[in-house]
Amino acid sequence: MEKKKINFGNAAANVGKATTGLFENAKKAVVDAVDQNGDGRIKIDDISVVTGSVKNAVKETGNKWNERQEEKRRQKQLAELCPVFADYIDSADFVLPKLIRISERDKKHEESDVCQGSVGHFLEAKELKILNIYRDKAAAFGLNFYPNLDSEIYYVDPSDRDHYIALDSYFTYLKMARANELQQIAQKLGAKHFRVTLMEEKKETSQNKAHAKAGLRVAPKQSGHLDGSHEKSESTYQKIGIAAEMDCPGHEPERPELVYLQKDLNVQNLIELRMAQNALTHQKVSVSFTQSSGIKIKDAMKIDAALIAMKAEASATITNEAEKESRRLFEYEIDF
């Protein structure tokens, strides 16, 4: 059998062609990648285009990073300054706190770009969340302020969420409002005469000594005696003054609408007795301030702490006023 002769020259030529082909393919790939103008050759213009693309990509990445940093800064300032905008007031998420402050813008909120166009801001003072309304934007909230908008701190009316009362006038206002309501109740029920007397509880302490003699054998021919005593505290009410009194012609009863006194059981019972057309001719009831108070003592303590934290001025401590109110009542006498 003849052995097949191998032509090493041709084989070498074929390998050379294959290598050349690989090189050409590789070169074409590089050219295609870099050739930006499509003429099949790499020129300075192509290099410039590629360099520009890289620069643009780097610039775009840098811009996005800056945008993210700017957004972080904005979110941090929003969290710190808590601005309130007009469109947020109408949203379902907006809830008015009980304590409101009316003031001018401070420097931080005035200069911050995230607060531009705001109508107020929330602030935390001790345990209370407070809404700070800018005086020139108060109308945006649709609230009523008593006696006017000249005060700094206001607290919500317990019977009307849209009515805020200056804190310095709060307890005086509620006393007058309740006295006026008792007058309206008397007129509606057809009273011929009524009197509203303001009373205040006074606690008197008396010491009663009870002596008890018990023979205790301590030692032979000796005896001991126990002497016990205790203090007794009694509450009495002192008349402060007449809050309202009137003579009326009298008429058939009409059911009055209760506002501040709607939770007072004594007032409710009086109305039901009169509306039942029974032989009621005279009635005297006590109307406790505690039942209709808008600020309890525990709330007053939080308010005082918040006022100190805000460095807000107040004519008296709210806790002291709330304690006074807890000791007061109206004595309500009515004749039909």
Protein backbone atom coordinates (compact mmCIF):
# COMPACT_ATOMS: atom_id res chain seq x y z
CA MET A 1 0.00 0.00 0.00
CA GLU A 2 1.32 3.40 -0.88
CA LYS A 3 1.78 5.83 1.94
CA LYS A 4 0.03 9.14 1.42
CA LYS A 5 2.50 11.96 1.13
CA ILE A 6 1.84 14.98 3.23
CA ASN A 7 2.51 18.35 1.64
CA PHE A 8 3.89 20.29 4.58
CA GLY A 9 4.07 23.44 2.49
CA ASN A 10 0.36 23.43 1.78
CA ALA A 11 -0.43 22.59 5.41
CA ALA A 12 1.66 25.47 6.60
CA ALA A 13 -0.04 27.73 4.10
CA ASN A 14 -3.48 26.61 5.34
CA VAL A 15 -2.52 27.21 8.95
CA GLY A 16 -1.29 30.65 7.95
CA LYS A 17 -4.57 31.37 6.21
CA ALA A 18 -6.54 30.24 9.26
CA THR A 19 -4.45 32.39 11.54
CA THR A 20 -4.82 35.32 9.20
CA GLY A 21 -8.57 34.77 9.21
CA LEU A 22 -8.72 34.80 12.98
CA PHE A 23 -6.65 37.95 13.05
CA GLU A 24 -8.86 39.59 10.46
CA ASN A 25 -11.99 38.67 12.43
CA ALA A 26 -10.48 40.03 15.62
CA LYS A 27 -9.42 43.21 13.88
CA LYS A 28 -12.88 43.61 12.36
CA ALA A 29 -14.48 43.24 15.79
CA VAL A 30 -12.25 45.96 17.23
CA VAL A 31 -12.89 48.20 14.23
CA ASP A 32 -16.64 47.64 14.49
CA ALA A 33 -16.54 48.50 18.18
CA VAL A 34 -14.50 51.64 17.75
CA ASP A 35 -15.60 52.70 14.28
CA GLN A 36 -18.19 55.31 15.09
CA ASN A 37 -18.68 56.79 11.61
CA GLY A 38 -19.07 53.44 9.75
CA ASP A 39 -16.29 53.82 7.17
CA GLY A 40 -14.58 50.57 8.21
CA ARG A 41 -11.46 52.29 9.46
CA ILE A 42 -10.30 53.63 12.79
CA LYS A 43 -9.45 57.28 12.75
CA ILE A 44 -8.92 60.05 15.30
CA ASP A 45 -12.57 61.05 14.92
CA ASP A 46 -13.63 57.58 16.06
CA ILE A 47 -11.36 57.74 19.09
CA SER A 48 -12.80 61.17 19.95
CA VAL A 49 -16.34 59.83 19.74
CA VAL A 50 -15.51 56.89 22.01
CA THR A 51 -13.75 59.19 24.47
CA GLY A 52 -16.75 61.52 24.44
CA SER A 53 -19.11 58.61 25.10
CA VAL A 54 -17.05 57.52 28.08
CA LYS A 55 -17.01 61.09 29.38
CA ASN A 56 -20.80 61.36 28.94
CA ALA A 57 -21.31 58.07 30.76
CA VAL A 58 -19.12 59.22 33.64
CA LYS A 59 -20.91 62.57 33.73
CA GLU A 60 -24.34 60.90 33.71
CA THR A 61 -23.31 58.62 36.56
CA GLY A 62 -22.01 61.63 38.48
CA ASN A 63 -25.26 63.53 37.90
CA LYS A 64 -27.34 60.61 39.18
CA TRP A 65 -25.17 60.37 42.27
CA ASN A 66 -25.57 64.09 42.88
CA GLU A 67 -29.33 63.77 42.43
CA ARG A 68 -29.46 60.97 44.97
CA GLN A 69 -27.42 63.00 47.43
CA GLU A 70 -29.65 66.03 46.89
CA GLU A 71 -32.76 63.92 47.47
CA LYS A 72 -31.24 62.54 50.68
CA ARG A 73 -30.57 66.10 51.83
CA ARG A 74 -34.13 67.14 51.02
CA GLN A 75 -35.63 64.17 52.83
CA LYS A 76 -33.47 64.85 55.88
CA GLN A 77 -34.58 68.50 56.00
CA LEU A 78 -38.22 67.53 55.51
CA ALA A 79 -37.94 65.13 58.46
CA GLU A 80 -36.25 67.77 60.62
CA LEU A 81 -38.39 70.80 59.73
CA CYS A 82 -41.75 69.02 59.16
CA PRO A 83 -43.29 71.70 56.89
CA VAL A 84 -47.04 71.69 56.25
CA PHE A 85 -48.37 72.69 52.83
CA ALA A 86 -51.86 73.81 51.87
CA ASP A 87 -52.63 70.71 49.77
CA TYR A 88 -51.82 68.45 52.74
CA ILE A 89 -54.48 70.16 54.90
CA ASP A 90 -57.24 68.76 52.66
CA SER A 91 -55.87 65.21 52.64
CA ALA A 92 -57.33 62.36 54.71
CA ASP A 93 -53.99 61.94 56.52
CA PHE A 94 -54.04 65.42 58.04
CA VAL A 95 -55.14 65.54 61.68
CA LEU A 96 -55.22 68.74 63.71
CA PRO A 97 -53.59 68.40 67.14
CA LYS A 98 -55.33 69.87 70.18
CA LEU A 99 -52.57 72.39 70.84
CA ILE A 100 -51.76 75.01 68.20
CA ARG A 101 -49.18 77.75 68.10
CA ILE A 102 -49.49 80.91 65.98
CA SER A 103 -46.18 82.57 65.13
CA GLU A 104 -44.01 84.09 62.45
CA ARG A 105 -41.58 81.89 60.47
CA ASP A 106 -38.29 81.23 62.19
CA LYS A 107 -34.96 81.57 60.36
CA LYS A 108 -34.54 77.85 59.62
CA HIS A 109 -37.94 77.51 57.96
CA GLU A 110 -37.64 80.87 56.23
CA GLU A 111 -34.34 80.00 54.55
CA SER A 112 -34.88 76.31 53.78
CA ASP A 113 -35.73 75.53 50.15
CA VAL A 114 -37.89 72.53 51.19
CA CYS A 115 -40.16 74.85 53.22
CA GLN A 116 -40.86 77.37 50.48
CA GLY A 117 -44.63 77.83 50.14
CA SER A 118 -45.43 76.10 53.45
CA VAL A 119 -48.23 77.37 55.69
CA GLY A 120 -46.82 76.00 58.95
CA HIS A 121 -44.91 73.12 60.44
CA PHE A 122 -45.25 70.40 63.06
CA LEU A 123 -43.02 70.36 66.11
CA GLU A 124 -42.50 68.02 69.04
CA ALA A 125 -42.39 69.54 72.51
CA LYS A 126 -41.92 66.96 75.25
CA GLU A 127 -44.85 64.55 74.90
CA LEU A 128 -47.00 66.71 72.64
CA LYS A 129 -47.16 67.14 68.89
CA ILE A 130 -47.98 70.76 68.10
CA LEU A 131 -48.99 72.48 64.89
CA ASN A 132 -47.18 75.78 64.37
CA ILE A 133 -49.24 77.95 62.00
CA TYR A 134 -47.69 80.98 60.33
CA ARG A 135 -49.74 84.01 61.25
CA ASP A 136 -50.16 85.23 57.66
CA LYS A 137 -51.34 81.74 56.57
CA ALA A 138 -53.87 81.04 59.35
CA ALA A 139 -56.84 81.48 56.98
CA ALA A 140 -55.69 78.42 54.98
CA PHE A 141 -56.75 76.13 57.85
CA GLY A 142 -60.38 77.27 58.01
CA LEU A 143 -60.34 77.56 61.82
CA ASN A 144 -61.98 80.00 64.22
CA PHE A 145 -59.86 81.55 66.97
CA TYR A 146 -61.15 83.07 70.22
CA PRO A 147 -60.97 85.90 71.07
CA ASN A 148 -58.83 86.77 68.02
CA LEU A 149 -55.60 85.80 66.30
CA ASP A 150 -53.34 87.94 68.50
CA SER A 151 -52.39 85.22 71.01
CA GLU A 152 -49.63 82.63 70.65
CA ILE A 153 -50.98 79.35 72.12
CA TYR A 154 -54.48 77.95 71.50
CA TYR A 155 -56.28 74.80 72.62
CA VAL A 156 -59.21 73.12 70.92
CA ASP A 157 -62.78 73.75 72.07
CA PRO A 158 -64.06 70.44 73.56
CA SER A 159 -67.33 70.79 71.64
CA ASP A 160 -66.04 72.08 68.29
CA ARG A 161 -62.95 70.72 66.50
CA ASP A 162 -62.72 73.82 64.28
CA HIS A 163 -62.75 76.28 67.17
CA TYR A 164 -59.55 77.09 69.07
CA ILE A 165 -59.45 79.14 72.26
CA ALA A 166 -56.49 81.20 73.44
CA LEU A 167 -54.92 79.22 76.28
CA ASP A 168 -54.88 82.22 78.65
CA SER A 169 -58.66 82.59 78.19
CA TYR A 170 -59.49 78.89 78.04
CA PHE A 171 -60.97 78.19 81.48
CA THR A 172 -62.75 81.56 81.68
CA TYR A 173 -64.31 80.97 78.28
CA LEU A 174 -65.59 77.50 79.22
CA LYS A 175 -67.07 78.81 82.48
CA MET A 176 -69.05 81.46 80.59
CA ALA A 177 -70.08 78.99 77.88
CA ARG A 178 -71.49 76.53 80.43
CA ALA A 179 -73.33 79.28 82.35
CA ASN A 180 -74.85 80.52 79.08
CA GLU A 181 -75.92 76.99 78.17
CA LEU A 182 -77.67 76.57 81.53
CA GLN A 183 -79.53 79.80 80.83
CA GLN A 184 -80.62 78.52 77.40
CA ILE A 185 -81.73 75.22 78.95
CA ALA A 186 -83.93 77.09 81.45
CA GLN A 187 -85.53 79.15 78.70
CA LYS A 188 -86.16 76.08 76.51
CA LEU A 189 -87.70 74.12 79.39
CA GLY A 190 -90.08 77.00 80.13
CA ALA A 191 -88.66 78.03 83.52
CA LYS A 192 -90.14 80.96 85.43
CA HIS A 193 -86.95 81.58 87.34
CA PHE A 194 -83.43 80.15 87.45
CA ARG A 195 -80.17 80.87 89.21
CA VAL A 196 -76.64 79.63 88.45
CA THR A 197 -74.24 79.92 91.39
CA LEU A 198 -70.52 79.24 91.08
CA MET A 199 -69.22 77.08 93.93
CA GLU A 200 -65.73 75.91 94.85
CA GLU A 201 -64.80 72.94 96.98
CA LYS A 202 -62.92 73.69 100.18
CA LYS A 203 -61.41 70.83 102.17
CA GLU A 204 -61.34 71.23 105.91
CA THR A 205 -59.36 68.91 108.11
CA SER A 206 -60.49 68.28 111.68
CA GLN A 207 -58.53 66.25 114.18
CA ASN A 208 -60.58 63.90 116.31
CA LYS A 209 -58.80 62.17 119.11
CA ALA A 210 -60.20 58.89 120.24
CA HIS A 211 -58.89 57.78 123.52
CA ALA A 212 -58.85 54.10 124.26
CA LYS A 213 -57.55 52.75 127.45
CA ALA A 214 -56.37 49.19 127.33
CA GLY A 215 -54.68 47.60 130.33
CA LEU A 216 -51.59 45.90 129.00
CA ARG A 217 -49.50 43.84 131.29
CA VAL A 218 -45.97 45.01 130.61
CA ALA A 219 -44.37 44.01 133.85
CA PRO A 220 -45.62 43.07 137.31
CA LYS A 221 -47.54 45.95 138.90
CA GLN A 222 -47.21 48.03 135.70
CA SER A 223 -49.78 48.83 133.04
CA GLY A 224 -49.61 50.62 129.73
CA HIS A 225 -52.18 52.84 127.96
CA LEU A 226 -52.74 53.37 124.19
CA ASP A 227 -53.75 56.84 123.02
CA GLY A 228 -54.95 56.79 119.38
CA SER A 229 -55.92 59.78 117.21
CA HIS A 230 -56.94 60.29 113.56
CA GLU A 231 -57.66 63.19 111.21
CA LYS A 232 -60.92 63.49 109.32
CA SER A 233 -61.14 65.46 106.05
CA GLU A 234 -64.49 66.92 104.99
CA SER A 235 -65.37 68.74 101.76
CA THR A 236 -67.55 71.81 101.81
CA TYR A 237 -68.45 74.16 98.98
CA GLN A 238 -68.00 77.87 99.21
CA LYS A 239 -70.10 80.26 97.16
CA ILE A 240 -67.98 82.34 94.79
CA GLY A 241 -70.72 84.30 93.05
CA ILE A 242 -73.86 84.28 90.93
CA ALA A 243 -72.99 83.39 87.33
CA ALA A 244 -76.52 83.93 85.94
CA GLU A 245 -80.05 84.60 87.20
CA MET A 246 -83.28 85.48 85.41
CA ASP A 247 -87.07 85.63 85.74
CA CYS A 248 -89.02 84.35 82.72
CA PRO A 249 -92.75 84.17 81.81
CA GLY A 250 -92.70 80.38 81.52
CA HIS A 251 -94.12 78.18 78.74
CA GLU A 252 -94.52 74.58 77.65
CA PRO A 253 -91.16 72.79 77.54
CA GLU A 254 -89.08 72.28 74.42
CA ARG A 255 -86.16 69.86 74.33
CA PRO A 256 -82.90 71.84 74.41
CA GLU A 257 -79.80 70.90 72.44
CA LEU A 258 -76.84 70.24 74.68
CA VAL A 259 -73.32 71.26 73.67
CA TYR A 260 -70.90 71.51 76.59
CA LEU A 261 -73.18 69.73 79.06
CA GLN A 262 -74.22 66.79 76.90
CA LYS A 263 -72.40 64.30 79.17
CA ASP A 264 -73.69 65.70 82.46
CA LEU A 265 -76.13 63.16 83.97
CA ASN A 266 -77.78 65.68 86.32
CA VAL A 267 -78.63 68.00 83.43
CA GLN A 268 -79.89 65.09 81.31
CA ASN A 269 -82.12 63.92 84.16
CA LEU A 270 -83.54 67.43 84.70
CA ILE A 271 -84.48 67.66 81.03
CA GLU A 272 -86.15 64.24 81.02
CA LEU A 273 -88.16 65.06 84.15
CA ARG A 274 -89.41 68.31 82.67
CA MET A 275 -90.17 66.78 79.24
CA ALA A 276 -92.19 64.00 80.93
CA GLN A 277 -94.80 66.63 81.86
CA ASN A 278 -94.72 65.67 85.54
CA ALA A 279 -95.54 67.97 88.41
CA LEU A 280 -91.96 69.32 88.66
CA THR A 281 -92.02 72.85 90.04
CA HIS A 282 -88.57 73.28 91.59
CA GLN A 283 -85.25 71.54 91.09
CA LYS A 284 -81.70 72.08 92.33
CA VAL A 285 -78.82 70.18 90.70
CA SER A 286 -75.02 70.33 90.78
CA VAL A 287 -73.20 70.71 87.46
CA SER A 288 -69.60 69.59 87.86
CA PHE A 289 -66.94 71.31 85.77
CA THR A 290 -64.99 68.06 85.53
CA GLN A 291 -67.65 66.49 83.31
CA SER A 292 -67.29 69.17 80.64
CA SER A 293 -63.67 70.21 81.07
CA GLY A 294 -61.57 70.34 77.92
CA ILE A 295 -58.26 69.92 79.77
CA LYS A 296 -57.82 67.28 82.44
CA ILE A 297 -55.05 67.64 85.04
CA LYS A 298 -52.85 64.99 83.40
CA ASP A 299 -53.17 66.83 80.05
CA ALA A 300 -52.43 70.15 81.74
CA MET A 301 -49.14 68.81 83.08
CA LYS A 302 -48.07 67.83 79.55
CA ILE A 303 -49.09 71.25 78.23
CA ASP A 304 -47.03 73.03 80.90
CA ALA A 305 -43.99 70.90 80.02
CA ALA A 306 -44.48 71.70 76.31
CA LEU A 307 -44.80 75.44 77.01
CA ILE A 308 -41.52 75.41 78.93
CA ALA A 309 -39.82 73.50 76.09
CA MET A 310 -41.11 76.04 73.53
CA LYS A 311 -40.26 78.98 75.83
CA ALA A 312 -43.82 80.19 75.37
CA GLU A 313 -45.29 82.71 77.77
CA ALA A 314 -48.35 81.94 79.89
CA SER A 315 -50.07 84.03 82.56
CA ALA A 316 -50.44 81.00 84.86
CA THR A 317 -49.61 77.34 84.84
CA ILE A 318 -52.27 75.29 83.10
CA THR A 319 -51.97 72.58 85.78
CA ASN A 320 -52.93 75.12 88.46
CA GLU A 321 -55.96 76.25 86.43
CA ALA A 322 -57.04 72.66 85.75
CA GLU A 323 -56.81 71.82 89.45
CA LYS A 324 -58.99 74.83 90.27
CA GLU A 325 -61.55 73.74 87.69
CA SER A 326 -61.65 70.22 89.13
CA ARG A 327 -62.84 71.72 92.44
CA ARG A 328 -65.59 73.88 90.92
CA LEU A 329 -69.23 73.34 90.05
CA PHE A 330 -72.41 75.22 89.29
CA GLU A 331 -75.34 75.01 91.65
CA TYR A 332 -78.33 75.16 89.31
CA GLU A 333 -81.73 76.12 90.76
CA ILE A 334 -84.72 76.23 88.49
CA ASP A 335 -88.45 76.94 89.07
CA PHE A 336 -91.32 76.13 86.70
